[in-house]
Amino acid sequence: RVGDARDKGVVEGILSEGGFVGIVHAVGILFDPTSGLAYLNRLASGSGSRPDDDSTYDAITRQTAFNAIEAAESYAITNGNGALGSVKPPLPFVFLSAAEAGWTDAPGGNFVENNLTPGFMRRYLSAKRAVEDRLLLKGESSPLRPVIFRPSLIYSLDRPASLPPVAAFFAGNRILRLPFVDRPVTVQALSCAVVRSIGRDDVVGVQRYMDVDALSR
C-alpha cells in the first residue's frame, strides 16, 4: 500500500480491513531537514529514504505514532481486545524507539545528552520519548499491550559501510563498559524479536539489547 502515515485516516483505513493480531510502528528518520544532515538519510537508511521539508522528527516519529496508537486503541476496543469484560488480551503495539531514550536512567546519560549531544539529536530523542510516554499513559486500563524496543545501532553484515560505527559502539559497550552505550543489534535479530514479542503476552514495556538477544534465540 502507498500512503502517508501522517494522515490518521490512512492508518484507520488499513485497520478497518480487520484481522490484525498486532501493530508495529517502525517509522522514523535519523536526520530531519532542520539537522542540516538530511542528505545523509539515503546512506544511513536501509530504504534510502529522501525526506521532504516537512519530515521533522515530530511529524515522522511522534505524529505518525500517535496516529497509529489512537487508531489501534479504537480498533482494539471495537474488536474486544482489552475492553471491559472482554476475554481477549490487549492488542500488542510495538514501537521501535532508541537506546538513547533511556539516557535519563543511565549513569552519565544526562550529562552526555545535556552537554555533548547536538540539538537535532535531542529533538530526535524528545520525539521518541513522547511516543513512549503516550504508549504507557493508560497503564493496565489500555486496550493495548505496549512493547517498546530500544535498540542502539542496527546493522547487517551485508552492509559493510555500517560496520565502523557499529565497531565503535561495541567497543564502548563491551570494552569501555560505558553505561550509556548499548551494544548494537542486527536487523535480523531485532525483527525476529519484534515478531516473537507479538505472540508473547509476558513481553511488556521497554526491551533493550539483552531482551532482543533473548527473544531472537
N, C-alpha and C. Protein backbone atom coordinates (compact mmCIF):
# COMPACT_ATOMS: atom_id res chain seq x y z
N ARG A 1 0.83 -1.21 0.00
CA ARG A 1 0.00 0.00 0.00
C ARG A 1 0.86 1.25 0.00
N VAL A 2 0.34 2.31 -0.55
CA VAL A 2 1.03 3.59 -0.55
C VAL A 2 0.17 4.58 0.23
N GLY A 3 0.79 5.28 1.17
CA GLY A 3 0.04 6.26 1.95
C GLY A 3 0.96 7.02 2.87
N ASP A 4 0.47 8.12 3.40
CA ASP A 4 1.25 8.95 4.31
C ASP A 4 0.79 8.67 5.73
N ALA A 5 1.67 8.11 6.54
CA ALA A 5 1.31 7.74 7.91
C ALA A 5 1.03 8.96 8.78
N ARG A 6 1.35 10.16 8.27
CA ARG A 6 1.00 11.39 8.99
C ARG A 6 -0.50 11.68 8.89
N ASP A 7 -1.16 10.96 8.01
CA ASP A 7 -2.61 11.09 7.83
C ASP A 7 -3.28 9.96 8.60
N LYS A 8 -3.95 10.30 9.69
CA LYS A 8 -4.56 9.28 10.54
C LYS A 8 -5.57 8.44 9.78
N GLY A 9 -6.25 9.06 8.81
CA GLY A 9 -7.25 8.33 8.03
C GLY A 9 -6.66 7.17 7.25
N VAL A 10 -5.40 7.31 6.82
CA VAL A 10 -4.73 6.22 6.10
C VAL A 10 -4.58 5.02 7.01
N VAL A 11 -4.15 5.26 8.25
CA VAL A 11 -3.96 4.18 9.22
C VAL A 11 -5.30 3.53 9.57
N GLU A 12 -6.31 4.37 9.81
CA GLU A 12 -7.64 3.85 10.15
C GLU A 12 -8.21 3.03 9.00
N GLY A 13 -7.95 3.45 7.77
CA GLY A 13 -8.45 2.72 6.61
C GLY A 13 -7.87 1.33 6.51
N ILE A 14 -6.58 1.21 6.81
CA ILE A 14 -5.94 -0.11 6.78
C ILE A 14 -6.48 -1.00 7.89
N LEU A 15 -6.60 -0.46 9.09
CA LEU A 15 -7.09 -1.26 10.21
C LEU A 15 -8.55 -1.68 10.03
N SER A 16 -9.30 -0.89 9.27
CA SER A 16 -10.71 -1.23 9.05
C SER A 16 -10.88 -2.54 8.29
N GLU A 17 -9.81 -2.99 7.66
CA GLU A 17 -9.87 -4.27 6.93
C GLU A 17 -9.96 -5.45 7.89
N GLY A 18 -9.51 -5.24 9.15
CA GLY A 18 -9.64 -6.27 10.18
C GLY A 18 -8.64 -7.40 10.06
N GLY A 19 -8.68 -8.29 11.06
CA GLY A 19 -7.83 -9.48 11.05
C GLY A 19 -6.44 -9.28 11.62
N PHE A 20 -6.18 -8.15 12.26
CA PHE A 20 -4.83 -7.88 12.76
C PHE A 20 -4.64 -8.43 14.17
N VAL A 21 -3.47 -9.01 14.43
CA VAL A 21 -3.16 -9.56 15.75
C VAL A 21 -2.12 -8.71 16.48
N GLY A 22 -1.59 -7.70 15.84
CA GLY A 22 -0.61 -6.82 16.45
C GLY A 22 -0.25 -5.70 15.49
N ILE A 23 0.31 -4.64 16.03
CA ILE A 23 0.69 -3.48 15.22
C ILE A 23 2.13 -3.10 15.57
N VAL A 24 2.92 -2.82 14.56
CA VAL A 24 4.32 -2.43 14.75
C VAL A 24 4.53 -1.05 14.13
N HIS A 25 5.06 -0.12 14.92
CA HIS A 25 5.41 1.19 14.39
C HIS A 25 6.93 1.26 14.25
N ALA A 26 7.38 1.28 13.00
CA ALA A 26 8.82 1.33 12.71
C ALA A 26 9.15 2.51 11.81
N VAL A 27 8.30 3.54 11.88
CA VAL A 27 8.51 4.74 11.06
C VAL A 27 9.47 5.67 11.80
N GLY A 28 10.51 6.12 11.14
CA GLY A 28 11.44 7.02 11.81
C GLY A 28 12.35 7.70 10.81
N ILE A 29 13.11 8.64 11.31
CA ILE A 29 14.07 9.37 10.48
C ILE A 29 15.27 9.70 11.36
N LEU A 30 16.46 9.48 10.86
CA LEU A 30 17.66 9.75 11.65
C LEU A 30 18.06 11.22 11.57
N PHE A 31 18.00 11.80 10.38
CA PHE A 31 18.37 13.21 10.20
C PHE A 31 17.21 13.96 9.57
N ASP A 32 16.57 14.86 10.32
CA ASP A 32 15.46 15.62 9.73
C ASP A 32 16.01 16.86 9.03
N PRO A 33 15.17 17.57 8.26
CA PRO A 33 15.66 18.73 7.48
C PRO A 33 16.33 19.80 8.33
N THR A 34 15.87 19.99 9.58
CA THR A 34 16.45 21.05 10.40
C THR A 34 17.82 20.67 10.96
N SER A 35 18.21 19.41 10.82
CA SER A 35 19.52 18.97 11.30
C SER A 35 20.64 19.44 10.39
N GLY A 36 20.28 19.75 9.13
CA GLY A 36 21.29 20.10 8.15
C GLY A 36 21.99 18.90 7.56
N LEU A 37 21.56 17.70 7.95
CA LEU A 37 22.22 16.48 7.50
C LEU A 37 21.25 15.54 6.79
N ALA A 38 20.12 16.08 6.34
CA ALA A 38 19.08 15.23 5.75
C ALA A 38 19.58 14.44 4.55
N TYR A 39 20.58 14.98 3.84
CA TYR A 39 21.11 14.28 2.67
C TYR A 39 21.76 12.95 3.03
N LEU A 40 22.11 12.77 4.30
CA LEU A 40 22.76 11.53 4.73
C LEU A 40 21.77 10.39 4.93
N ASN A 41 20.47 10.69 4.93
CA ASN A 41 19.48 9.64 5.15
C ASN A 41 19.55 8.55 4.09
N ARG A 42 19.84 8.93 2.86
CA ARG A 42 19.88 7.93 1.81
C ARG A 42 21.02 6.94 2.02
N LEU A 43 22.02 7.34 2.83
CA LEU A 43 23.13 6.45 3.14
C LEU A 43 22.88 5.69 4.45
N ALA A 44 22.31 6.41 5.44
CA ALA A 44 22.10 5.80 6.76
C ALA A 44 20.86 4.93 6.80
N SER A 45 19.91 5.19 5.91
CA SER A 45 18.65 4.46 5.90
C SER A 45 18.74 3.21 5.03
N GLY A 46 18.21 2.11 5.55
CA GLY A 46 18.18 0.88 4.76
C GLY A 46 17.30 1.00 3.54
N SER A 47 16.34 1.95 3.57
CA SER A 47 15.44 2.13 2.44
C SER A 47 15.90 3.24 1.51
N GLY A 48 17.01 3.92 1.87
CA GLY A 48 17.49 5.02 1.05
C GLY A 48 16.55 6.19 1.02
N SER A 49 15.93 6.49 2.17
CA SER A 49 14.88 7.50 2.22
C SER A 49 15.38 8.90 1.88
N ARG A 50 14.50 9.69 1.28
CA ARG A 50 14.78 11.08 0.94
C ARG A 50 13.65 11.93 1.52
N PRO A 51 13.79 12.40 2.76
CA PRO A 51 12.71 13.13 3.43
C PRO A 51 12.40 14.48 2.78
N ASP A 52 11.11 14.86 2.81
CA ASP A 52 10.74 16.18 2.30
C ASP A 52 10.93 17.22 3.41
N ASP A 53 10.64 18.46 3.11
CA ASP A 53 10.91 19.56 4.04
C ASP A 53 10.02 19.50 5.28
N ASP A 54 8.91 18.77 5.21
CA ASP A 54 8.00 18.67 6.35
C ASP A 54 8.28 17.44 7.21
N SER A 55 9.34 16.71 6.87
CA SER A 55 9.65 15.47 7.59
C SER A 55 10.49 15.74 8.84
N THR A 56 9.88 16.42 9.80
CA THR A 56 10.58 16.69 11.06
C THR A 56 10.48 15.47 11.98
N TYR A 57 11.29 15.47 13.03
CA TYR A 57 11.21 14.37 14.00
C TYR A 57 9.81 14.29 14.60
N ASP A 58 9.24 15.45 14.88
CA ASP A 58 7.91 15.47 15.48
C ASP A 58 6.87 14.86 14.54
N ALA A 59 6.95 15.21 13.26
CA ALA A 59 5.97 14.72 12.29
C ALA A 59 6.16 13.23 12.00
N ILE A 60 7.41 12.83 11.75
CA ILE A 60 7.67 11.46 11.32
C ILE A 60 7.61 10.46 12.46
N THR A 61 8.10 10.85 13.63
CA THR A 61 8.09 9.92 14.77
C THR A 61 6.84 10.09 15.63
N ARG A 62 6.68 11.28 16.22
CA ARG A 62 5.59 11.44 17.18
C ARG A 62 4.21 11.41 16.52
N GLN A 63 4.01 12.22 15.47
CA GLN A 63 2.68 12.32 14.87
C GLN A 63 2.23 10.99 14.27
N THR A 64 3.11 10.31 13.53
CA THR A 64 2.70 9.04 12.92
C THR A 64 2.42 7.99 13.99
N ALA A 65 3.20 8.00 15.08
CA ALA A 65 2.98 7.02 16.15
C ALA A 65 1.68 7.32 16.91
N PHE A 66 1.44 8.59 17.20
CA PHE A 66 0.19 8.95 17.88
C PHE A 66 -1.01 8.55 17.03
N ASN A 67 -0.92 8.78 15.72
CA ASN A 67 -2.00 8.37 14.82
C ASN A 67 -2.22 6.87 14.91
N ALA A 68 -1.13 6.12 14.88
CA ALA A 68 -1.23 4.66 14.92
C ALA A 68 -1.77 4.18 16.26
N ILE A 69 -1.32 4.79 17.35
CA ILE A 69 -1.78 4.38 18.68
C ILE A 69 -3.28 4.64 18.84
N GLU A 70 -3.71 5.84 18.43
CA GLU A 70 -5.14 6.18 18.56
C GLU A 70 -5.99 5.26 17.69
N ALA A 71 -5.54 4.99 16.48
CA ALA A 71 -6.28 4.09 15.60
C ALA A 71 -6.28 2.68 16.16
N ALA A 72 -5.17 2.26 16.74
CA ALA A 72 -5.07 0.92 17.31
C ALA A 72 -5.96 0.77 18.53
N GLU A 73 -6.05 1.82 19.35
CA GLU A 73 -6.92 1.77 20.52
C GLU A 73 -8.38 1.60 20.10
N SER A 74 -8.79 2.36 19.10
CA SER A 74 -10.16 2.24 18.60
C SER A 74 -10.41 0.85 18.02
N TYR A 75 -9.44 0.36 17.26
CA TYR A 75 -9.56 -0.96 16.65
C TYR A 75 -9.66 -2.03 17.73
N ALA A 76 -8.82 -1.93 18.76
CA ALA A 76 -8.82 -2.94 19.82
C ALA A 76 -10.14 -2.96 20.58
N ILE A 77 -10.65 -1.79 20.90
CA ILE A 77 -11.92 -1.72 21.64
C ILE A 77 -13.07 -2.25 20.78
N THR A 78 -13.08 -1.87 19.51
CA THR A 78 -14.13 -2.33 18.60
C THR A 78 -14.12 -3.85 18.46
N ASN A 79 -12.92 -4.42 18.50
CA ASN A 79 -12.79 -5.86 18.31
C ASN A 79 -12.69 -6.63 19.62
N GLY A 80 -12.92 -5.94 20.74
CA GLY A 80 -12.98 -6.62 22.02
C GLY A 80 -11.66 -6.77 22.75
N ASN A 81 -10.56 -6.36 22.16
CA ASN A 81 -9.26 -6.50 22.82
C ASN A 81 -9.13 -5.51 23.97
N GLY A 82 -8.99 -6.04 25.18
CA GLY A 82 -8.73 -5.18 26.31
C GLY A 82 -9.92 -4.38 26.80
N ALA A 83 -11.08 -4.52 26.18
CA ALA A 83 -12.25 -3.77 26.62
C ALA A 83 -12.80 -4.40 27.89
N LEU A 84 -13.53 -3.62 28.67
CA LEU A 84 -14.10 -4.09 29.92
C LEU A 84 -14.98 -5.31 29.67
N GLY A 85 -14.71 -6.40 30.40
CA GLY A 85 -15.50 -7.62 30.26
C GLY A 85 -15.06 -8.50 29.11
N SER A 86 -14.04 -8.11 28.37
CA SER A 86 -13.58 -8.90 27.24
C SER A 86 -12.68 -10.02 27.71
N VAL A 87 -12.75 -11.16 27.01
CA VAL A 87 -11.86 -12.28 27.32
C VAL A 87 -10.61 -12.21 26.45
N LYS A 88 -10.56 -11.30 25.50
CA LYS A 88 -9.40 -11.15 24.64
C LYS A 88 -8.31 -10.36 25.35
N PRO A 89 -7.04 -10.73 25.15
CA PRO A 89 -5.95 -9.95 25.75
C PRO A 89 -5.78 -8.64 25.00
N PRO A 90 -5.09 -7.68 25.61
CA PRO A 90 -4.84 -6.41 24.92
C PRO A 90 -4.10 -6.64 23.60
N LEU A 91 -4.33 -5.75 22.66
CA LEU A 91 -3.70 -5.84 21.35
C LEU A 91 -2.24 -5.39 21.44
N PRO A 92 -1.28 -6.21 20.98
CA PRO A 92 0.13 -5.80 21.04
C PRO A 92 0.39 -4.60 20.13
N PHE A 93 1.07 -3.60 20.67
CA PHE A 93 1.52 -2.46 19.88
C PHE A 93 3.01 -2.31 20.13
N VAL A 94 3.80 -2.53 19.09
CA VAL A 94 5.26 -2.50 19.20
C VAL A 94 5.77 -1.18 18.63
N PHE A 95 6.58 -0.49 19.41
CA PHE A 95 7.19 0.76 18.97
C PHE A 95 8.71 0.62 18.98
N LEU A 96 9.34 0.98 17.86
CA LEU A 96 10.79 0.96 17.79
C LEU A 96 11.33 2.33 18.22
N SER A 97 11.84 2.38 19.43
CA SER A 97 12.37 3.61 19.98
C SER A 97 13.88 3.63 19.76
N ALA A 98 14.64 4.10 20.73
CA ALA A 98 16.09 4.17 20.61
C ALA A 98 16.72 3.99 21.98
N ALA A 99 17.88 3.33 22.02
CA ALA A 99 18.56 3.09 23.30
C ALA A 99 18.80 4.39 24.05
N GLU A 100 19.12 5.44 23.29
CA GLU A 100 19.45 6.72 23.92
C GLU A 100 18.26 7.38 24.60
N ALA A 101 17.04 6.91 24.29
CA ALA A 101 15.87 7.42 25.00
C ALA A 101 15.93 7.05 26.48
N GLY A 102 16.75 6.06 26.80
CA GLY A 102 16.92 5.64 28.18
C GLY A 102 18.08 6.30 28.90
N TRP A 103 18.69 7.30 28.28
CA TRP A 103 19.81 8.00 28.92
C TRP A 103 19.41 8.62 30.25
N THR A 104 18.17 9.00 30.41
CA THR A 104 17.74 9.62 31.66
C THR A 104 17.88 8.67 32.84
N ASP A 105 17.92 7.36 32.56
CA ASP A 105 18.04 6.36 33.63
C ASP A 105 19.43 5.75 33.72
N ALA A 106 20.34 6.13 32.84
CA ALA A 106 21.67 5.54 32.79
C ALA A 106 22.70 6.47 33.45
N PRO A 107 23.61 5.92 34.25
CA PRO A 107 24.67 6.76 34.82
C PRO A 107 25.45 7.49 33.73
N GLY A 108 25.55 8.78 33.86
CA GLY A 108 26.25 9.59 32.87
C GLY A 108 25.42 9.98 31.67
N GLY A 109 24.25 9.38 31.53
CA GLY A 109 23.40 9.64 30.37
C GLY A 109 22.94 11.08 30.28
N ASN A 110 22.50 11.64 31.40
CA ASN A 110 22.02 13.02 31.38
C ASN A 110 23.15 13.99 31.03
N PHE A 111 24.35 13.72 31.53
CA PHE A 111 25.48 14.58 31.22
C PHE A 111 25.79 14.56 29.72
N VAL A 112 25.80 13.36 29.15
CA VAL A 112 26.08 13.22 27.72
C VAL A 112 25.03 13.96 26.90
N GLU A 113 23.76 13.76 27.26
CA GLU A 113 22.69 14.39 26.49
C GLU A 113 22.71 15.91 26.61
N ASN A 114 22.94 16.40 27.81
CA ASN A 114 22.85 17.85 28.03
C ASN A 114 24.09 18.61 27.58
N ASN A 115 25.23 17.93 27.51
CA ASN A 115 26.47 18.64 27.24
C ASN A 115 27.19 18.23 25.96
N LEU A 116 26.94 17.02 25.49
CA LEU A 116 27.70 16.53 24.35
C LEU A 116 26.85 16.19 23.13
N THR A 117 25.55 16.22 23.30
CA THR A 117 24.66 15.80 22.22
C THR A 117 24.17 17.01 21.42
N PRO A 118 24.28 16.96 20.09
CA PRO A 118 23.80 18.08 19.26
C PRO A 118 22.29 18.27 19.37
N GLY A 119 21.85 19.46 19.07
CA GLY A 119 20.43 19.80 19.22
C GLY A 119 19.51 18.90 18.43
N PHE A 120 19.90 18.53 17.22
CA PHE A 120 18.99 17.70 16.41
C PHE A 120 18.79 16.34 17.06
N MET A 121 19.83 15.81 17.73
CA MET A 121 19.71 14.52 18.40
C MET A 121 18.79 14.62 19.61
N ARG A 122 18.83 15.75 20.30
CA ARG A 122 17.93 15.93 21.44
C ARG A 122 16.48 16.01 20.98
N ARG A 123 16.24 16.62 19.82
CA ARG A 123 14.88 16.66 19.27
C ARG A 123 14.44 15.26 18.86
N TYR A 124 15.35 14.50 18.32
CA TYR A 124 15.09 13.10 17.95
C TYR A 124 14.64 12.30 19.17
N LEU A 125 15.37 12.45 20.27
CA LEU A 125 15.04 11.71 21.49
C LEU A 125 13.75 12.21 22.12
N SER A 126 13.50 13.50 22.02
CA SER A 126 12.26 14.06 22.57
C SER A 126 11.04 13.44 21.89
N ALA A 127 11.12 13.26 20.58
CA ALA A 127 10.00 12.65 19.84
C ALA A 127 9.83 11.19 20.25
N LYS A 128 10.93 10.47 20.40
CA LYS A 128 10.86 9.06 20.82
C LYS A 128 10.24 8.94 22.22
N ARG A 129 10.67 9.79 23.12
CA ARG A 129 10.15 9.73 24.49
C ARG A 129 8.68 10.10 24.56
N ALA A 130 8.26 11.03 23.73
CA ALA A 130 6.85 11.41 23.71
C ALA A 130 5.98 10.22 23.34
N VAL A 131 6.44 9.42 22.39
CA VAL A 131 5.68 8.23 21.98
C VAL A 131 5.68 7.19 23.10
N GLU A 132 6.84 6.99 23.72
CA GLU A 132 6.90 6.03 24.83
C GLU A 132 5.92 6.42 25.93
N ASP A 133 5.92 7.70 26.29
CA ASP A 133 5.02 8.18 27.35
C ASP A 133 3.56 7.98 26.96
N ARG A 134 3.24 8.25 25.70
CA ARG A 134 1.86 8.08 25.24
C ARG A 134 1.45 6.62 25.29
N LEU A 135 2.33 5.73 24.93
CA LEU A 135 2.01 4.30 24.95
C LEU A 135 1.77 3.78 26.37
N LEU A 136 2.53 4.31 27.31
CA LEU A 136 2.45 3.82 28.69
C LEU A 136 1.45 4.60 29.53
N LEU A 137 0.82 5.61 28.94
CA LEU A 137 -0.04 6.55 29.67
C LEU A 137 -1.17 5.87 30.42
N LYS A 138 -1.86 4.94 29.78
CA LYS A 138 -3.08 4.37 30.35
C LYS A 138 -2.83 3.14 31.22
N GLY A 139 -1.60 2.68 31.27
CA GLY A 139 -1.27 1.54 32.12
C GLY A 139 -2.12 0.33 31.81
N GLU A 140 -2.58 -0.34 32.86
CA GLU A 140 -3.34 -1.57 32.69
C GLU A 140 -4.73 -1.35 32.11
N SER A 141 -5.20 -0.11 32.11
CA SER A 141 -6.52 0.16 31.55
C SER A 141 -6.49 0.31 30.02
N SER A 142 -5.29 0.28 29.44
CA SER A 142 -5.16 0.45 28.00
C SER A 142 -5.62 -0.80 27.26
N PRO A 143 -6.27 -0.63 26.10
CA PRO A 143 -6.63 -1.80 25.28
C PRO A 143 -5.43 -2.34 24.51
N LEU A 144 -4.25 -1.71 24.70
CA LEU A 144 -3.04 -2.14 24.01
C LEU A 144 -2.03 -2.72 25.00
N ARG A 145 -1.22 -3.65 24.51
CA ARG A 145 -0.07 -4.13 25.28
C ARG A 145 1.16 -3.45 24.70
N PRO A 146 1.71 -2.45 25.39
CA PRO A 146 2.83 -1.70 24.82
C PRO A 146 4.14 -2.48 24.91
N VAL A 147 4.83 -2.57 23.79
CA VAL A 147 6.15 -3.19 23.73
C VAL A 147 7.08 -2.17 23.08
N ILE A 148 8.09 -1.71 23.82
CA ILE A 148 8.97 -0.65 23.35
C ILE A 148 10.39 -1.19 23.21
N PHE A 149 10.83 -1.36 21.98
CA PHE A 149 12.20 -1.80 21.75
C PHE A 149 13.11 -0.58 21.68
N ARG A 150 14.24 -0.67 22.40
CA ARG A 150 15.22 0.41 22.41
C ARG A 150 16.56 -0.08 21.88
N PRO A 151 16.67 -0.28 20.58
CA PRO A 151 17.97 -0.67 20.03
C PRO A 151 18.90 0.54 19.90
N SER A 152 20.20 0.29 19.96
CA SER A 152 21.13 1.36 19.62
C SER A 152 21.35 1.27 18.11
N LEU A 153 22.55 1.13 17.64
CA LEU A 153 22.75 0.99 16.19
C LEU A 153 22.22 -0.36 15.73
N ILE A 154 21.55 -0.34 14.58
CA ILE A 154 21.03 -1.56 13.96
C ILE A 154 21.85 -1.81 12.71
N TYR A 155 22.38 -3.01 12.57
CA TYR A 155 23.27 -3.25 11.43
C TYR A 155 23.00 -4.61 10.80
N SER A 156 23.60 -4.81 9.64
CA SER A 156 23.55 -6.09 8.94
C SER A 156 24.91 -6.31 8.30
N LEU A 157 25.40 -7.53 8.37
CA LEU A 157 26.73 -7.82 7.86
C LEU A 157 26.83 -7.65 6.35
N ASP A 158 25.68 -7.61 5.67
CA ASP A 158 25.74 -7.41 4.22
C ASP A 158 25.80 -5.93 3.83
N ARG A 159 25.92 -5.05 4.85
CA ARG A 159 26.10 -3.61 4.62
C ARG A 159 27.39 -3.18 5.32
N PRO A 160 28.55 -3.47 4.73
CA PRO A 160 29.84 -3.20 5.39
C PRO A 160 30.08 -1.74 5.72
N ALA A 161 29.41 -0.82 5.04
CA ALA A 161 29.61 0.61 5.32
C ALA A 161 29.18 0.97 6.74
N SER A 162 28.27 0.17 7.31
CA SER A 162 27.78 0.47 8.65
C SER A 162 28.68 -0.08 9.75
N LEU A 163 29.66 -0.88 9.39
CA LEU A 163 30.44 -1.59 10.40
C LEU A 163 31.38 -0.70 11.24
N PRO A 164 32.03 0.35 10.69
CA PRO A 164 32.89 1.18 11.54
C PRO A 164 32.17 1.80 12.74
N PRO A 165 31.02 2.48 12.56
CA PRO A 165 30.34 3.00 13.76
C PRO A 165 29.83 1.90 14.67
N VAL A 166 29.44 0.76 14.10
CA VAL A 166 28.99 -0.37 14.90
C VAL A 166 30.14 -0.85 15.79
N ALA A 167 31.34 -0.93 15.21
CA ALA A 167 32.51 -1.36 15.99
C ALA A 167 32.78 -0.40 17.14
N ALA A 168 32.58 0.89 16.91
CA ALA A 168 32.80 1.88 17.97
C ALA A 168 31.81 1.67 19.11
N PHE A 169 30.57 1.37 18.77
CA PHE A 169 29.56 1.12 19.82
C PHE A 169 29.85 -0.17 20.56
N PHE A 170 30.30 -1.19 19.85
CA PHE A 170 30.69 -2.44 20.51
C PHE A 170 31.80 -2.17 21.51
N ALA A 171 32.79 -1.37 21.10
CA ALA A 171 33.90 -1.05 21.99
C ALA A 171 33.43 -0.28 23.22
N GLY A 172 32.53 0.68 23.00
CA GLY A 172 32.02 1.46 24.12
C GLY A 172 31.27 0.62 25.12
N ASN A 173 30.53 -0.36 24.61
CA ASN A 173 29.72 -1.22 25.48
C ASN A 173 30.52 -2.35 26.11
N ARG A 174 31.28 -3.07 25.29
CA ARG A 174 31.95 -4.28 25.75
C ARG A 174 33.32 -4.02 26.40
N ILE A 175 34.10 -3.09 25.83
CA ILE A 175 35.46 -2.87 26.31
C ILE A 175 35.51 -1.75 27.35
N LEU A 176 34.97 -0.59 26.99
CA LEU A 176 34.98 0.54 27.91
C LEU A 176 33.88 0.44 28.96
N ARG A 177 32.87 -0.38 28.68
CA ARG A 177 31.74 -0.58 29.59
C ARG A 177 31.06 0.73 30.00
N LEU A 178 30.85 1.58 29.01
CA LEU A 178 30.16 2.83 29.25
C LEU A 178 28.68 2.54 29.48
N PRO A 179 28.11 2.97 30.60
CA PRO A 179 26.72 2.60 30.93
C PRO A 179 25.68 3.24 30.01
N PHE A 180 26.10 4.27 29.27
CA PHE A 180 25.15 4.96 28.38
C PHE A 180 25.32 4.53 26.92
N VAL A 181 26.09 3.48 26.66
CA VAL A 181 26.27 2.95 25.31
C VAL A 181 25.78 1.50 25.28
N ASP A 182 24.73 1.25 24.52
CA ASP A 182 24.19 -0.11 24.38
C ASP A 182 24.83 -0.80 23.19
N ARG A 183 24.96 -2.10 23.28
CA ARG A 183 25.54 -2.89 22.20
C ARG A 183 24.62 -2.88 20.98
N PRO A 184 25.16 -2.72 19.78
CA PRO A 184 24.33 -2.77 18.57
C PRO A 184 23.68 -4.15 18.39
N VAL A 185 22.61 -4.18 17.61
CA VAL A 185 21.92 -5.44 17.31
C VAL A 185 21.75 -5.55 15.80
N THR A 186 21.68 -6.76 15.30
CA THR A 186 21.46 -6.93 13.86
C THR A 186 19.98 -6.71 13.55
N VAL A 187 19.73 -6.31 12.33
CA VAL A 187 18.34 -6.11 11.91
C VAL A 187 17.59 -7.44 11.93
N GLN A 188 18.31 -8.53 11.68
CA GLN A 188 17.67 -9.85 11.69
C GLN A 188 17.22 -10.22 13.10
N ALA A 189 18.09 -9.98 14.11
CA ALA A 189 17.73 -10.30 15.49
C ALA A 189 16.59 -9.42 15.97
N LEU A 190 16.64 -8.13 15.62
CA LEU A 190 15.60 -7.21 16.06
C LEU A 190 14.25 -7.56 15.44
N SER A 191 14.22 -7.84 14.16
CA SER A 191 12.95 -8.17 13.51
C SER A 191 12.38 -9.47 14.07
N CYS A 192 13.25 -10.43 14.36
CA CYS A 192 12.79 -11.69 14.96
C CYS A 192 12.19 -11.43 16.34
N ALA A 193 12.86 -10.61 17.13
CA ALA A 193 12.37 -10.29 18.47
C ALA A 193 11.03 -9.57 18.42
N VAL A 194 10.87 -8.66 17.47
CA VAL A 194 9.62 -7.92 17.33
C VAL A 194 8.47 -8.87 17.03
N VAL A 195 8.68 -9.76 16.07
CA VAL A 195 7.62 -10.70 15.70
C VAL A 195 7.26 -11.61 16.87
N ARG A 196 8.27 -12.11 17.57
CA ARG A 196 8.00 -13.01 18.69
C ARG A 196 7.34 -12.30 19.85
N SER A 197 7.63 -11.01 20.03
CA SER A 197 7.01 -10.27 21.13
C SER A 197 5.50 -10.15 20.95
N ILE A 198 5.06 -10.15 19.71
CA ILE A 198 3.62 -10.05 19.45
C ILE A 198 2.88 -11.27 20.01
N GLY A 199 3.51 -12.43 19.93
CA GLY A 199 2.87 -13.66 20.41
C GLY A 199 3.14 -13.99 21.86
N ARG A 200 3.87 -13.11 22.56
CA ARG A 200 4.24 -13.36 23.96
C ARG A 200 3.55 -12.36 24.87
N ASP A 201 2.49 -12.79 25.57
CA ASP A 201 1.76 -11.88 26.44
C ASP A 201 2.59 -11.37 27.60
N ASP A 202 3.70 -12.06 27.92
CA ASP A 202 4.54 -11.64 29.04
C ASP A 202 5.56 -10.58 28.65
N VAL A 203 5.64 -10.23 27.38
CA VAL A 203 6.56 -9.19 26.93
C VAL A 203 5.83 -7.85 26.93
N VAL A 204 6.19 -7.00 27.87
CA VAL A 204 5.52 -5.71 28.05
C VAL A 204 6.57 -4.66 28.41
N GLY A 205 6.41 -3.46 27.89
CA GLY A 205 7.27 -2.36 28.27
C GLY A 205 8.58 -2.33 27.52
N VAL A 206 9.60 -1.73 28.14
CA VAL A 206 10.88 -1.47 27.47
C VAL A 206 11.69 -2.75 27.30
N GLN A 207 12.23 -2.93 26.09
CA GLN A 207 13.08 -4.08 25.75
C GLN A 207 14.41 -3.55 25.22
N ARG A 208 15.51 -3.90 25.90
CA ARG A 208 16.83 -3.46 25.48
C ARG A 208 17.54 -4.55 24.69
N TYR A 209 18.83 -4.36 24.41
CA TYR A 209 19.55 -5.29 23.54
C TYR A 209 19.60 -6.70 24.11
N MET A 210 19.68 -6.84 25.44
CA MET A 210 19.70 -8.18 26.04
C MET A 210 18.35 -8.88 25.88
N ASP A 211 17.28 -8.09 25.84
CA ASP A 211 15.96 -8.66 25.61
C ASP A 211 15.80 -9.08 24.15
N VAL A 212 16.40 -8.30 23.24
CA VAL A 212 16.41 -8.69 21.82
C VAL A 212 17.13 -10.02 21.67
N ASP A 213 18.26 -10.17 22.37
CA ASP A 213 19.00 -11.44 22.32
C ASP A 213 18.12 -12.59 22.77
N ALA A 214 17.44 -12.42 23.91
CA ALA A 214 16.63 -13.49 24.48
C ALA A 214 15.46 -13.86 23.57
N LEU A 215 14.81 -12.86 23.00
CA LEU A 215 13.63 -13.12 22.18
C LEU A 215 14.00 -13.70 20.82
N SER A 216 15.20 -13.42 20.34
CA SER A 216 15.57 -13.86 18.99
C SER A 216 16.31 -15.19 18.95
N ARG A 217 16.56 -15.77 20.10
CA ARG A 217 17.25 -17.06 20.12
C ARG A 217 16.38 -18.17 19.58
